């Protein structure tokens, strides 16, 4: 899978919305929740989706928050697959 070009990445970020950014070479977003239990429930939904897709994010879980970083380490950067999983993560956050 090919790494997105700078123009493709800019377009992908625009389509994902302002909450997503590029940080340290990955698609990054911080989600906020009312408490730790809701944050963990979301993290587990993302983990299940990641397992099903065989594509896994770097994830940080804290009280009332989950931070996700999507990057294709084997491709050496952000790919279409990361953009797809970022969209899926947003869908999973809405279904909370």
PDB file of N, CA and C in Angstrom:
ATOM      1  N   UNK A   1       0.851  -1.175   0.000  1.00  0.00           N
ATOM      2  CA  UNK A   1       0.000   0.000   0.000  1.00  0.00           C
ATOM      3  C   UNK A   1       0.896   1.237   0.000  1.00  0.00           C
ATOM      4  N   UNK A   2       0.548   2.204  -0.841  1.00  0.00           N
ATOM      5  CA  UNK A   2       1.359   3.400  -0.994  1.00  0.00           C
ATOM      6  C   UNK A   2       1.058   4.448   0.062  1.00  0.00           C
ATOM      7  N   UNK A   3       2.105   5.120   0.494  1.00  0.00           N
ATOM      8  CA  UNK A   3       1.969   6.251   1.410  1.00  0.00           C
ATOM      9  C   UNK A   3       1.334   7.410   0.645  1.00  0.00           C
ATOM     10  N   UNK A   4       0.429   8.137   1.300  1.00  0.00           N
ATOM     11  CA  UNK A   4      -0.222   9.269   0.659  1.00  0.00           C
ATOM     12  C   UNK A   4       0.778  10.373   0.353  1.00  0.00           C
ATOM     13  N   UNK A   5       0.588  11.024  -0.779  1.00  0.00           N
ATOM     14  CA  UNK A   5       1.399  12.189  -1.124  1.00  0.00           C
ATOM     15  C   UNK A   5       0.958  13.353  -0.235  1.00  0.00           C
ATOM     16  N   UNK A   6       1.745  14.414  -0.149  1.00  0.00           N
ATOM     17  CA  UNK A   6       1.314  15.573   0.644  1.00  0.00           C
ATOM     18  C   UNK A   6      -0.049  16.119   0.216  1.00  0.00           C
ATOM     19  N   UNK A   7      -0.323  16.179  -1.079  1.00  0.00           N
ATOM     20  CA  UNK A   7      -1.625  16.659  -1.549  1.00  0.00           C
ATOM     21  C   UNK A   7      -2.752  15.704  -1.154  1.00  0.00           C
ATOM     22  N   UNK A   8      -2.505  14.410  -1.291  1.00  0.00           N
ATOM     23  CA  UNK A   8      -3.506  13.420  -0.896  1.00  0.00           C
ATOM     24  C   UNK A   8      -3.774  13.488   0.608  1.00  0.00           C
ATOM     25  N   UNK A   9      -2.713  13.679   1.381  1.00  0.00           N
ATOM     26  CA  UNK A   9      -2.865  13.769   2.828  1.00  0.00           C
ATOM     27  C   UNK A   9      -3.660  15.012   3.210  1.00  0.00           C
ATOM     28  N   UNK A  10      -3.373  16.129   2.570  1.00  0.00           N
ATOM     29  CA  UNK A  10      -4.120  17.368   2.848  1.00  0.00           C
ATOM     30  C   UNK A  10      -5.597  17.176   2.535  1.00  0.00           C
ATOM     31  N   UNK A  11      -5.900  16.527   1.438  1.00  0.00           N
ATOM     32  CA  UNK A  11      -7.282  16.253   1.058  1.00  0.00           C
ATOM     33  C   UNK A  11      -7.953  15.313   2.064  1.00  0.00           C
ATOM     34  N   UNK A  12      -7.227  14.301   2.493  1.00  0.00           N
ATOM     35  CA  UNK A  12      -7.764  13.348   3.465  1.00  0.00           C
ATOM     36  C   UNK A  12      -8.059  14.045   4.791  1.00  0.00           C
ATOM     37  N   UNK A  13      -7.144  14.880   5.252  1.00  0.00           N
ATOM     38  CA  UNK A  13      -7.364  15.605   6.504  1.00  0.00           C
ATOM     39  C   UNK A  13      -8.573  16.527   6.390  1.00  0.00           C
ATOM     40  N   UNK A  14      -8.720  17.173   5.251  1.00  0.00           N
ATOM     41  CA  UNK A  14      -9.876  18.048   5.045  1.00  0.00           C
ATOM     42  C   UNK A  14     -11.170  17.244   5.096  1.00  0.00           C
ATOM     43  N   UNK A  15     -11.167  16.070   4.490  1.00  0.00           N
ATOM     44  CA  UNK A  15     -12.375  15.240   4.473  1.00  0.00           C
ATOM     45  C   UNK A  15     -12.697  14.657   5.850  1.00  0.00           C
ATOM     46  N   UNK A  16     -11.673  14.442   6.671  1.00  0.00           N
ATOM     47  CA  UNK A  16     -11.893  13.901   8.014  1.00  0.00           C
ATOM     48  C   UNK A  16     -12.433  14.947   8.975  1.00  0.00           C
ATOM     49  N   UNK A  17     -12.092  16.201   8.772  1.00  0.00           N
ATOM     50  CA  UNK A  17     -12.564  17.251   9.662  1.00  0.00           C
ATOM     51  C   UNK A  17     -11.452  17.791  10.536  1.00  0.00           C
ATOM     52  N   UNK A  18     -11.761  18.903  11.169  1.00  0.00           N
ATOM     53  CA  UNK A  18     -10.737  19.670  11.878  1.00  0.00           C
ATOM     54  C   UNK A  18     -10.196  18.997  13.139  1.00  0.00           C
ATOM     55  N   UNK A  19     -10.880  17.993  13.651  1.00  0.00           N
ATOM     56  CA  UNK A  19     -10.372  17.325  14.855  1.00  0.00           C
ATOM     57  C   UNK A  19      -9.198  16.395  14.573  1.00  0.00           C
ATOM     58  N   UNK A  20      -9.010  16.031  13.308  1.00  0.00           N
ATOM     59  CA  UNK A  20      -7.887  15.183  12.932  1.00  0.00           C
ATOM     60  C   UNK A  20      -6.712  16.052  12.501  1.00  0.00           C
ATOM     61  N   UNK A  21      -5.512  15.611  12.852  1.00  0.00           N
ATOM     62  CA  UNK A  21      -4.307  16.321  12.442  1.00  0.00           C
ATOM     63  C   UNK A  21      -3.228  15.295  12.113  1.00  0.00           C
ATOM     64  N   UNK A  22      -2.154  15.796  11.560  1.00  0.00           N
ATOM     65  CA  UNK A  22      -0.980  14.950  11.352  1.00  0.00           C
ATOM     66  C   UNK A  22       0.001  15.292  12.459  1.00  0.00           C
ATOM     67  N   UNK A  23       0.352  14.302  13.259  1.00  0.00           N
ATOM     68  CA  UNK A  23       1.332  14.488  14.331  1.00  0.00           C
ATOM     69  C   UNK A  23       2.320  13.334  14.279  1.00  0.00           C
ATOM     70  N   UNK A  24       3.578  13.670  14.252  1.00  0.00           N
ATOM     71  CA  UNK A  24       4.654  12.673  14.250  1.00  0.00           C
ATOM     72  C   UNK A  24       4.439  11.623  13.160  1.00  0.00           C
ATOM     73  N   UNK A  25       3.959  12.072  11.987  1.00  0.00           N
ATOM     74  CA  UNK A  25       3.801  11.178  10.858  1.00  0.00           C
ATOM     75  C   UNK A  25       2.600  10.265  10.905  1.00  0.00           C
ATOM     76  N   UNK A  26       1.632  10.557  11.771  1.00  0.00           N
ATOM     77  CA  UNK A  26       0.429   9.733  11.895  1.00  0.00           C
ATOM     78  C   UNK A  26      -0.808  10.623  11.892  1.00  0.00           C
ATOM     79  N   UNK A  27      -1.949  10.026  11.550  1.00  0.00           N
ATOM     80  CA  UNK A  27      -3.222  10.714  11.739  1.00  0.00           C
ATOM     81  C   UNK A  27      -3.550  10.659  13.221  1.00  0.00           C
ATOM     82  N   UNK A  28      -3.830  11.803  13.825  1.00  0.00           N
ATOM     83  CA  UNK A  28      -4.012  11.884  15.276  1.00  0.00           C
ATOM     84  C   UNK A  28      -5.336  12.559  15.619  1.00  0.00           C
ATOM     85  N   UNK A  29      -6.002  12.002  16.641  1.00  0.00           N
ATOM     86  CA  UNK A  29      -7.204  12.637  17.174  1.00  0.00           C
ATOM     87  C   UNK A  29      -7.342  12.290  18.649  1.00  0.00           C
ATOM     88  N   UNK A  30      -7.823  13.273  19.406  1.00  0.00           N
ATOM     89  CA  UNK A  30      -8.144  13.076  20.825  1.00  0.00           C
ATOM     90  C   UNK A  30      -9.657  13.124  20.965  1.00  0.00           C
ATOM     91  N   UNK A  31     -10.227  12.063  21.529  1.00  0.00           N
ATOM     92  CA  UNK A  31     -11.661  11.975  21.795  1.00  0.00           C
ATOM     93  C   UNK A  31     -11.904  12.221  23.282  1.00  0.00           C
ATOM     94  N   UNK A  32     -12.957  12.950  23.600  1.00  0.00           N
ATOM     95  CA  UNK A  32     -13.314  13.193  24.990  1.00  0.00           C
ATOM     96  C   UNK A  32     -14.582  12.446  25.383  1.00  0.00           C
ATOM     97  N   UNK A  33     -14.601  11.953  26.614  1.00  0.00           N
ATOM     98  CA  UNK A  33     -15.747  11.207  27.145  1.00  0.00           C
ATOM     99  C   UNK A  33     -16.047  11.681  28.557  1.00  0.00           C
ATOM    100  N   UNK A  34     -17.214  11.317  29.067  1.00  0.00           N
ATOM    101  CA  UNK A  34     -17.635  11.771  30.392  1.00  0.00           C
ATOM    102  C   UNK A  34     -16.883  11.105  31.534  1.00  0.00           C
ATOM    103  N   UNK A  35     -16.349   9.902  31.284  1.00  0.00           N
ATOM    104  CA  UNK A  35     -15.655   9.200  32.360  1.00  0.00           C
ATOM    105  C   UNK A  35     -14.746   8.113  31.775  1.00  0.00           C
ATOM    106  N   UNK A  36     -14.058   7.435  32.655  1.00  0.00           N
ATOM    107  CA  UNK A  36     -13.117   6.402  32.231  1.00  0.00           C
ATOM    108  C   UNK A  36     -13.828   5.224  31.572  1.00  0.00           C
ATOM    109  N   UNK A  37     -14.981   4.831  32.112  1.00  0.00           N
ATOM    110  CA  UNK A  37     -15.704   3.678  31.564  1.00  0.00           C
ATOM    111  C   UNK A  37     -16.100   3.918  30.111  1.00  0.00           C
ATOM    112  N   UNK A  38     -16.571   5.128  29.790  1.00  0.00           N
ATOM    113  CA  UNK A  38     -16.941   5.436  28.412  1.00  0.00           C
ATOM    114  C   UNK A  38     -15.707   5.445  27.504  1.00  0.00           C
ATOM    115  N   UNK A  39     -14.609   5.969  28.013  1.00  0.00           N
ATOM    116  CA  UNK A  39     -13.366   5.976  27.234  1.00  0.00           C
ATOM    117  C   UNK A  39     -12.919   4.547  26.939  1.00  0.00           C
ATOM    118  N   UNK A  40     -12.984   3.677  27.942  1.00  0.00           N
ATOM    119  CA  UNK A  40     -12.572   2.284  27.741  1.00  0.00           C
ATOM    120  C   UNK A  40     -13.509   1.556  26.787  1.00  0.00           C
ATOM    121  N   UNK A  41     -14.795   1.835  26.878  1.00  0.00           N
ATOM    122  CA  UNK A  41     -15.753   1.190  25.975  1.00  0.00           C
ATOM    123  C   UNK A  41     -15.435   1.560  24.530  1.00  0.00           C
ATOM    124  N   UNK A  42     -15.143   2.839  24.295  1.00  0.00           N
ATOM    125  CA  UNK A  42     -14.763   3.277  22.955  1.00  0.00           C
ATOM    126  C   UNK A  42     -13.456   2.619  22.528  1.00  0.00           C
ATOM    127  N   UNK A  43     -12.467   2.608  23.398  1.00  0.00           N
ATOM    128  CA  UNK A  43     -11.180   1.989  23.079  1.00  0.00           C
ATOM    129  C   UNK A  43     -11.373   0.525  22.697  1.00  0.00           C
ATOM    130  N   UNK A  44     -12.250  -0.170  23.388  1.00  0.00           N
ATOM    131  CA  UNK A  44     -12.511  -1.573  23.069  1.00  0.00           C
ATOM    132  C   UNK A  44     -13.219  -1.729  21.728  1.00  0.00           C
ATOM    133  N   UNK A  45     -14.130  -0.808  21.389  1.00  0.00           N
ATOM    134  CA  UNK A  45     -14.777  -0.856  20.071  1.00  0.00           C
ATOM    135  C   UNK A  45     -13.738  -0.639  18.967  1.00  0.00           C
ATOM    136  N   UNK A  46     -12.838   0.316  19.173  1.00  0.00           N
ATOM    137  CA  UNK A  46     -11.776   0.554  18.189  1.00  0.00           C
ATOM    138  C   UNK A  46     -10.876  -0.674  18.082  1.00  0.00           C
ATOM    139  N   UNK A  47     -10.550  -1.278  19.218  1.00  0.00           N
ATOM    140  CA  UNK A  47      -9.703  -2.475  19.212  1.00  0.00           C
ATOM    141  C   UNK A  47     -10.360  -3.605  18.429  1.00  0.00           C
ATOM    142  N   UNK A  48     -11.662  -3.795  18.604  1.00  0.00           N
ATOM    143  CA  UNK A  48     -12.374  -4.840  17.861  1.00  0.00           C
ATOM    144  C   UNK A  48     -12.346  -4.556  16.358  1.00  0.00           C
ATOM    145  N   UNK A  49     -12.585  -3.298  15.977  1.00  0.00           N
ATOM    146  CA  UNK A  49     -12.557  -2.928  14.561  1.00  0.00           C
ATOM    147  C   UNK A  49     -11.147  -3.093  13.993  1.00  0.00           C
ATOM    148  N   UNK A  50     -10.144  -2.750  14.771  1.00  0.00           N
ATOM    149  CA  UNK A  50      -8.754  -2.882  14.330  1.00  0.00           C
ATOM    150  C   UNK A  50      -8.388  -4.352  14.119  1.00  0.00           C
ATOM    151  N   UNK A  51      -8.821  -5.196  15.015  1.00  0.00           N
ATOM    152  CA  UNK A  51      -8.567  -6.634  14.860  1.00  0.00           C
ATOM    153  C   UNK A  51      -9.237  -7.160  13.602  1.00  0.00           C
ATOM    154  N   UNK A  52     -10.491  -6.752  13.380  1.00  0.00           N
ATOM    155  CA  UNK A  52     -11.232  -7.214  12.202  1.00  0.00           C
ATOM    156  C   UNK A  52     -10.550  -6.758  10.910  1.00  0.00           C
ATOM    157  N   UNK A  53      -9.968  -5.559  10.924  1.00  0.00           N
ATOM    158  CA  UNK A  53      -9.303  -5.012   9.742  1.00  0.00           C
ATOM    159  C   UNK A  53      -7.841  -5.418   9.652  1.00  0.00           C
ATOM    160  N   UNK A  54      -7.320  -6.040  10.705  1.00  0.00           N
ATOM    161  CA  UNK A  54      -5.899  -6.376  10.803  1.00  0.00           C
ATOM    162  C   UNK A  54      -5.028  -5.138  10.572  1.00  0.00           C
ATOM    163  N   UNK A  55      -5.444  -4.032  11.213  1.00  0.00           N
ATOM    164  CA  UNK A  55      -4.711  -2.764  11.133  1.00  0.00           C
ATOM    165  C   UNK A  55      -4.929  -2.052  12.461  1.00  0.00           C
ATOM    166  N   UNK A  56      -3.862  -1.792  13.185  1.00  0.00           N
ATOM    167  CA  UNK A  56      -3.967  -1.387  14.583  1.00  0.00           C
ATOM    168  C   UNK A  56      -3.370  -0.006  14.835  1.00  0.00           C
ATOM    169  N   UNK A  57      -4.072   0.800  15.640  1.00  0.00           N
ATOM    170  CA  UNK A  57      -3.570   2.143  15.954  1.00  0.00           C
ATOM    171  C   UNK A  57      -2.660   2.111  17.174  1.00  0.00           C
ATOM    172  N   UNK A  58      -1.933   3.191  17.355  1.00  0.00           N
ATOM    173  CA  UNK A  58      -1.342   3.467  18.655  1.00  0.00           C
ATOM    174  C   UNK A  58      -2.448   4.176  19.426  1.00  0.00           C
ATOM    175  N   UNK A  59      -2.644   3.793  20.678  1.00  0.00           N
ATOM    176  CA  UNK A  59      -3.777   4.276  21.448  1.00  0.00           C
ATOM    177  C   UNK A  59      -3.330   4.632  22.859  1.00  0.00           C
ATOM    178  N   UNK A  60      -3.815   5.774  23.342  1.00  0.00           N
ATOM    179  CA  UNK A  60      -3.574   6.199  24.708  1.00  0.00           C
ATOM    180  C   UNK A  60      -4.933   6.414  25.356  1.00  0.00           C
ATOM    181  N   UNK A  61      -5.175   5.728  26.466  1.00  0.00           N
ATOM    182  CA  UNK A  61      -6.448   5.828  27.171  1.00  0.00           C
ATOM    183  C   UNK A  61      -6.193   6.448  28.533  1.00  0.00           C
ATOM    184  N   UNK A  62      -6.994   7.447  28.875  1.00  0.00           N
ATOM    185  CA  UNK A  62      -6.935   8.072  30.193  1.00  0.00           C
ATOM    186  C   UNK A  62      -8.344   8.362  30.674  1.00  0.00           C
ATOM    187  N   UNK A  63      -8.449   8.985  31.826  1.00  0.00           N
ATOM    188  CA  UNK A  63      -9.767   9.295  32.365  1.00  0.00           C
ATOM    189  C   UNK A  63     -10.457  10.273  31.418  1.00  0.00           C
ATOM    190  N   UNK A  64     -11.543   9.806  30.805  1.00  0.00           N
ATOM    191  CA  UNK A  64     -12.348  10.663  29.942  1.00  0.00           C
ATOM    192  C   UNK A  64     -11.733  10.994  28.595  1.00  0.00           C
ATOM    193  N   UNK A  65     -10.709  10.257  28.184  1.00  0.00           N
ATOM    194  CA  UNK A  65     -10.109  10.573  26.887  1.00  0.00           C
ATOM    195  C   UNK A  65      -9.468   9.330  26.257  1.00  0.00           C
ATOM    196  N   UNK A  66      -9.449   9.353  24.932  1.00  0.00           N
ATOM    197  CA  UNK A  66      -8.728   8.348  24.141  1.00  0.00           C
ATOM    198  C   UNK A  66      -8.045   9.107  23.014  1.00  0.00           C
ATOM    199  N   UNK A  67      -6.759   8.867  22.840  1.00  0.00           N
ATOM    200  CA  UNK A  67      -6.015   9.444  21.725  1.00  0.00           C
ATOM    201  C   UNK A  67      -5.623   8.317  20.784  1.00  0.00           C
ATOM    202  N   UNK A  68      -5.896   8.537  19.492  1.00  0.00           N
ATOM    203  CA  UNK A  68      -5.572   7.543  18.476  1.00  0.00           C
ATOM    204  C   UNK A  68      -4.561   8.108  17.491  1.00  0.00           C
ATOM    205  N   UNK A  69      -3.641   7.270  17.080  1.00  0.00           N
ATOM    206  CA  UNK A  69      -2.692   7.573  16.014  1.00  0.00           C
ATOM    207  C   UNK A  69      -2.755   6.434  15.015  1.00  0.00           C
ATOM    208  N   UNK A  70      -3.161   6.763  13.782  1.00  0.00           N
ATOM    209  CA  UNK A  70      -3.222   5.784  12.706  1.00  0.00           C
ATOM    210  C   UNK A  70      -2.071   6.031  11.745  1.00  0.00           C
ATOM    211  N   UNK A  71      -1.241   5.016  11.544  1.00  0.00           N
ATOM    212  CA  UNK A  71      -0.139   5.077  10.585  1.00  0.00           C
ATOM    213  C   UNK A  71       0.182   3.648  10.168  1.00  0.00           C
ATOM    214  N   UNK A  72       0.579   3.485   8.932  1.00  0.00           N
ATOM    215  CA  UNK A  72       0.945   2.175   8.429  1.00  0.00           C
ATOM    216  C   UNK A  72       2.460   2.039   8.561  1.00  0.00           C
ATOM    217  N   UNK A  73       2.896   1.431   9.647  1.00  0.00           N
ATOM    218  CA  UNK A  73       4.328   1.322   9.927  1.00  0.00           C
ATOM    219  C   UNK A  73       5.069   0.568   8.821  1.00  0.00           C
ATOM    220  N   UNK A  74       4.469  -0.495   8.304  1.00  0.00           N
ATOM    221  CA  UNK A  74       5.170  -1.283   7.283  1.00  0.00           C
ATOM    222  C   UNK A  74       5.302  -0.513   5.964  1.00  0.00           C
ATOM    223  N   UNK A  75       4.350   0.392   5.674  1.00  0.00           N
ATOM    224  CA  UNK A  75       4.446   1.212   4.458  1.00  0.00           C
ATOM    225  C   UNK A  75       5.323   2.439   4.689  1.00  0.00           C
ATOM    226  N   UNK A  76       5.529   2.795   5.938  1.00  0.00           N
ATOM    227  CA  UNK A  76       6.379   3.933   6.259  1.00  0.00           C
ATOM    228  C   UNK A  76       5.672   5.275   6.268  1.00  0.00           C
ATOM    229  N   UNK A  77       4.352   5.259   6.505  1.00  0.00           N
ATOM    230  CA  UNK A  77       3.623   6.524   6.565  1.00  0.00           C
ATOM    231  C   UNK A  77       2.120   6.310   6.550  1.00  0.00           C
ATOM    232  N   UNK A  78       1.396   7.387   6.304  1.00  0.00           N
ATOM    233  CA  UNK A  78      -0.057   7.367   6.303  1.00  0.00           C
ATOM    234  C   UNK A  78      -0.552   6.890   4.936  1.00  0.00           C
ATOM    235  N   UNK A  79      -1.473   5.928   4.964  1.00  0.00           N
ATOM    236  CA  UNK A  79      -2.035   5.352   3.740  1.00  0.00           C
ATOM    237  C   UNK A  79      -3.555   5.516   3.745  1.00  0.00           C
ATOM    238  N   UNK A  80      -4.179   5.119   2.625  1.00  0.00           N
ATOM    239  CA  UNK A  80      -5.641   5.133   2.550  1.00  0.00           C
ATOM    240  C   UNK A  80      -6.262   4.295   3.657  1.00  0.00           C
ATOM    241  N   UNK A  81      -5.604   3.242   4.026  1.00  0.00           N
ATOM    242  CA  UNK A  81      -6.126   2.363   5.087  1.00  0.00           C
ATOM    243  C   UNK A  81      -6.226   3.114   6.416  1.00  0.00           C
ATOM    244  N   UNK A  82      -5.258   3.973   6.699  1.00  0.00           N
ATOM    245  CA  UNK A  82      -5.308   4.766   7.925  1.00  0.00           C
ATOM    246  C   UNK A  82      -6.481   5.741   7.899  1.00  0.00           C
ATOM    247  N   UNK A  83      -6.712   6.331   6.727  1.00  0.00           N
ATOM    248  CA  UNK A  83      -7.829   7.264   6.575  1.00  0.00           C
ATOM    249  C   UNK A  83      -9.151   6.517   6.787  1.00  0.00           C
ATOM    250  N   UNK A  84      -9.263   5.333   6.216  1.00  0.00           N
ATOM    251  CA  UNK A  84     -10.468   4.513   6.408  1.00  0.00           C
ATOM    252  C   UNK A  84     -10.688   4.198   7.885  1.00  0.00           C
ATOM    253  N   UNK A  85      -9.620   3.840   8.584  1.00  0.00           N
ATOM    254  CA  UNK A  85      -9.758   3.486   9.999  1.00  0.00           C
ATOM    255  C   UNK A  85     -10.036   4.728  10.858  1.00  0.00           C
ATOM    256  N   UNK A  86      -9.530   5.870  10.450  1.00  0.00           N
ATOM    257  CA  UNK A  86      -9.859   7.111  11.152  1.00  0.00           C
ATOM    258  C   UNK A  86     -11.358   7.382  11.024  1.00  0.00           C
ATOM    259  N   UNK A  87     -11.900   7.214   9.826  1.00  0.00           N
ATOM    260  CA  UNK A  87     -13.346   7.393   9.631  1.00  0.00           C
ATOM    261  C   UNK A  87     -14.134   6.396  10.469  1.00  0.00           C
ATOM    262  N   UNK A  88     -13.663   5.160  10.482  1.00  0.00           N
ATOM    263  CA  UNK A  88     -14.343   4.117  11.270  1.00  0.00           C
ATOM    264  C   UNK A  88     -14.296   4.468  12.753  1.00  0.00           C
ATOM    265  N   UNK A  89     -13.196   5.008  13.213  1.00  0.00           N
ATOM    266  CA  UNK A  89     -13.080   5.413  14.618  1.00  0.00           C
ATOM    267  C   UNK A  89     -14.125   6.474  14.953  1.00  0.00           C
ATOM    268  N   UNK A  90     -14.301   7.447  14.060  1.00  0.00           N
ATOM    269  CA  UNK A  90     -15.319   8.475  14.278  1.00  0.00           C
ATOM    270  C   UNK A  90     -16.714   7.864  14.344  1.00  0.00           C
ATOM    271  N   UNK A  91     -16.992   6.898  13.479  1.00  0.00           N
ATOM    272  CA  UNK A  91     -18.285   6.211  13.509  1.00  0.00           C
ATOM    273  C   UNK A  91     -18.488   5.506  14.845  1.00  0.00           C
ATOM    274  N   UNK A  92     -17.447   4.882  15.344  1.00  0.00           N
ATOM    275  CA  UNK A  92     -17.538   4.165  16.616  1.00  0.00           C
ATOM    276  C   UNK A  92     -17.727   5.105  17.801  1.00  0.00           C
ATOM    277  N   UNK A  93     -17.191   6.316  17.687  1.00  0.00           N
ATOM    278  CA  UNK A  93     -17.353   7.296  18.761  1.00  0.00           C
ATOM    279  C   UNK A  93     -18.805   7.775  18.814  1.00  0.00           C
ATOM    280  N   UNK A  94     -19.437   7.911  17.652  1.00  0.00           N
ATOM    281  CA  UNK A  94     -20.832   8.357  17.596  1.00  0.00           C
ATOM    282  C   UNK A  94     -21.764   7.289  18.143  1.00  0.00           C
ATOM    283  N   UNK A  95     -21.392   6.034  17.971  1.00  0.00           N
ATOM    284  CA  UNK A  95     -22.268   4.940  18.411  1.00  0.00           C
ATOM    285  C   UNK A  95     -22.147   4.655  19.901  1.00  0.00           C
ATOM    286  N   UNK A  96     -21.463   5.526  20.622  1.00  0.00           N
ATOM    287  CA  UNK A  96     -21.264   5.324  22.074  1.00  0.00           C
ATOM    288  C   UNK A  96     -22.572   5.401  22.826  1.00  0.00           C
TER     289      UNK A  96
END
